[in-house]
N, C-alpha and C. Protein backbone atom coordinates (compact mmCIF):
# COMPACT_ATOMS: atom_id res chain seq x y z
N MET A 1 -12.07 56.08 -31.59
CA MET A 1 -12.19 54.62 -32.19
C MET A 1 -12.42 53.77 -31.10
N SER A 2 -13.32 52.91 -31.22
CA SER A 2 -13.78 51.85 -30.01
C SER A 2 -12.38 50.64 -29.74
N GLU A 3 -12.45 50.34 -28.82
CA GLU A 3 -11.54 49.03 -28.49
C GLU A 3 -11.22 48.05 -29.36
N LYS A 4 -12.45 47.49 -30.07
CA LYS A 4 -12.49 46.51 -30.60
C LYS A 4 -11.85 47.04 -32.11
N SER A 5 -11.60 45.86 -32.95
CA SER A 5 -10.84 46.12 -34.18
C SER A 5 -12.14 46.35 -35.10
N LYS A 6 -11.72 47.06 -35.99
CA LYS A 6 -12.67 47.56 -37.32
C LYS A 6 -13.25 45.77 -37.79
N SER A 7 -14.68 46.01 -38.10
CA SER A 7 -15.11 44.74 -38.63
C SER A 7 -15.68 45.03 -40.05
N PHE A 8 -15.30 44.11 -41.02
CA PHE A 8 -15.25 44.10 -42.55
C PHE A 8 -16.64 43.37 -42.73
N ARG A 9 -17.17 43.48 -43.97
CA ARG A 9 -18.24 42.71 -44.30
C ARG A 9 -17.82 41.22 -44.43
N SER A 10 -16.61 41.23 -44.83
CA SER A 10 -16.09 39.68 -45.09
C SER A 10 -16.10 38.75 -43.68
N ASN A 11 -16.38 39.39 -42.82
CA ASN A 11 -16.41 38.51 -41.25
C ASN A 11 -17.78 38.43 -40.98
N LEU A 12 -18.72 38.51 -41.93
CA LEU A 12 -19.98 38.33 -41.55
C LEU A 12 -20.45 37.08 -42.22
N TYR A 13 -19.67 36.50 -42.84
CA TYR A 13 -19.97 35.40 -44.09
C TYR A 13 -19.25 34.16 -43.52
N GLU A 14 -19.40 32.93 -43.24
CA GLU A 14 -18.59 31.70 -43.40
C GLU A 14 -18.67 31.11 -44.91
N ILE A 15 -17.57 31.07 -45.35
CA ILE A 15 -17.35 30.33 -46.59
C ILE A 15 -16.43 29.03 -46.64
N ASP A 16 -17.10 28.16 -47.15
CA ASP A 16 -16.96 26.71 -47.16
C ASP A 16 -16.34 26.32 -48.66
N LEU A 17 -15.04 26.20 -48.66
CA LEU A 17 -14.52 26.25 -50.01
C LEU A 17 -14.72 24.67 -50.61
N LYS A 18 -14.79 23.81 -49.76
CA LYS A 18 -15.10 22.49 -50.03
C LYS A 18 -16.49 22.01 -50.77
N LYS A 19 -17.55 22.57 -50.42
CA LYS A 19 -18.76 22.80 -50.96
C LYS A 19 -19.06 24.04 -51.72
N GLY A 20 -18.48 24.69 -51.85
CA GLY A 20 -18.68 26.01 -52.45
C GLY A 20 -19.73 26.91 -51.97
N ALA A 21 -20.10 27.00 -50.60
CA ALA A 21 -20.93 27.71 -50.14
C ALA A 21 -20.80 28.72 -49.10
N ILE A 22 -21.60 29.67 -49.18
CA ILE A 22 -21.28 31.15 -48.68
C ILE A 22 -22.54 31.08 -47.56
N ARG A 23 -22.33 31.23 -46.06
CA ARG A 23 -23.32 31.50 -45.51
C ARG A 23 -23.23 32.38 -44.51
N LEU A 24 -24.49 33.14 -44.11
CA LEU A 24 -24.37 34.51 -43.23
C LEU A 24 -24.31 33.84 -41.63
N LYS A 25 -23.36 34.62 -40.96
CA LYS A 25 -23.24 34.25 -39.58
C LYS A 25 -24.12 34.62 -38.62
N ASN A 26 -24.89 36.16 -38.79
CA ASN A 26 -25.71 36.39 -37.96
C ASN A 26 -27.51 36.00 -38.31
N ARG A 27 -28.23 36.35 -37.79
CA ARG A 27 -29.55 36.36 -37.99
C ARG A 27 -30.19 37.12 -39.14
N VAL A 28 -31.01 36.80 -39.52
CA VAL A 28 -31.78 37.66 -40.57
C VAL A 28 -33.24 38.43 -39.85
N CYS A 29 -33.48 39.40 -39.81
CA CYS A 29 -34.79 39.80 -39.05
C CYS A 29 -35.94 39.31 -39.99
N PRO A 30 -36.85 38.84 -39.25
CA PRO A 30 -38.08 38.31 -39.94
C PRO A 30 -38.88 39.52 -40.31
N LYS A 31 -38.93 40.62 -39.98
CA LYS A 31 -39.92 41.82 -40.26
C LYS A 31 -39.21 42.41 -41.71
N CYS A 32 -38.14 42.82 -41.55
CA CYS A 32 -37.43 43.77 -42.54
C CYS A 32 -36.46 42.92 -43.41
N GLY A 33 -35.93 41.84 -43.14
CA GLY A 33 -35.10 41.09 -43.75
C GLY A 33 -33.43 41.68 -43.58
N ARG A 34 -33.19 42.38 -43.06
CA ARG A 34 -32.05 42.77 -42.72
C ARG A 34 -31.12 42.16 -41.84
N VAL A 35 -29.92 42.31 -41.93
CA VAL A 35 -28.99 41.57 -40.57
C VAL A 35 -29.38 42.10 -39.37
N MET A 36 -29.47 40.99 -38.34
CA MET A 36 -29.60 41.44 -36.97
C MET A 36 -28.14 41.19 -36.26
N ALA A 37 -27.89 42.18 -35.22
CA ALA A 37 -26.62 42.29 -34.17
C ALA A 37 -27.17 41.51 -33.03
N LEU A 38 -25.77 40.89 -32.58
CA LEU A 38 -26.08 40.08 -31.19
C LEU A 38 -25.70 40.85 -30.11
N HIS A 39 -26.28 41.23 -29.28
CA HIS A 39 -25.79 42.13 -28.02
C HIS A 39 -25.79 41.19 -26.88
N GLU A 40 -24.61 41.38 -25.96
CA GLU A 40 -24.35 40.46 -25.03
C GLU A 40 -24.87 41.24 -23.62
N LYS A 41 -24.63 42.46 -23.37
CA LYS A 41 -24.93 43.23 -22.02
C LYS A 41 -26.25 44.38 -22.50
N PRO A 42 -26.95 44.65 -21.63
CA PRO A 42 -26.93 43.83 -20.16
C PRO A 42 -27.61 42.66 -20.19
N ILE A 43 -28.54 42.26 -21.36
CA ILE A 43 -29.05 40.98 -21.45
C ILE A 43 -29.03 40.64 -22.85
N PRO A 44 -28.46 39.38 -23.07
CA PRO A 44 -28.38 38.84 -24.28
C PRO A 44 -29.50 39.10 -25.33
N ARG A 45 -29.30 39.49 -26.25
CA ARG A 45 -30.32 39.61 -27.46
C ARG A 45 -30.11 39.84 -28.79
N TRP A 46 -31.00 39.74 -29.78
CA TRP A 46 -30.55 40.01 -31.01
C TRP A 46 -31.29 41.28 -31.54
N HIS A 47 -30.88 42.08 -31.98
CA HIS A 47 -31.55 43.55 -32.24
C HIS A 47 -31.16 43.72 -33.93
N CYS A 48 -32.54 44.33 -34.25
CA CYS A 48 -32.34 44.80 -35.86
C CYS A 48 -32.21 46.46 -35.68
N GLY A 49 -31.13 46.92 -36.07
CA GLY A 49 -31.12 48.13 -35.98
C GLY A 49 -32.11 49.15 -36.95
N TYR A 50 -32.46 48.56 -37.84
CA TYR A 50 -33.31 49.43 -38.83
C TYR A 50 -34.85 49.58 -38.49
N CYS A 51 -35.41 48.30 -38.19
CA CYS A 51 -36.83 48.26 -37.48
C CYS A 51 -36.94 48.02 -35.93
N SER A 52 -35.96 48.02 -35.34
CA SER A 52 -35.90 47.90 -33.95
C SER A 52 -36.43 46.67 -33.43
N TYR A 53 -36.85 45.65 -34.22
CA TYR A 53 -37.03 44.57 -33.75
C TYR A 53 -36.08 43.85 -32.91
N VAL A 54 -36.40 43.06 -31.69
CA VAL A 54 -35.68 42.47 -30.52
C VAL A 54 -36.10 40.97 -30.24
N GLU A 55 -35.51 40.19 -30.13
CA GLU A 55 -35.62 39.02 -29.68
C GLU A 55 -34.47 38.63 -28.63
N VAL A 56 -34.88 38.26 -27.53
CA VAL A 56 -34.41 38.07 -26.27
C VAL A 56 -33.91 36.54 -26.07
N VAL A 57 -32.68 36.45 -26.00
CA VAL A 57 -32.03 35.14 -25.94
C VAL A 57 -32.32 34.28 -24.70
N ARG A 58 -32.77 33.04 -24.63
CA ARG A 58 -33.10 32.68 -23.22
C ARG A 58 -32.51 31.16 -23.45
N SER A 59 -31.69 31.00 -22.06
CA SER A 59 -30.76 29.67 -22.18
C SER A 59 -31.50 28.80 -21.34
């Protein structure tokens, strides 16, 4: 098992109880519509594991 703790689906969303809104924390892939992962190393980038779409983060 990895050094990081297990991630759960509930960690993927921000819940605002006052407004009654639920918002996804990560980006959605423009090609396939699935959730993308943020990778920090070796270069910061958003990556879709399903269709292999990649967006490099430029600062």
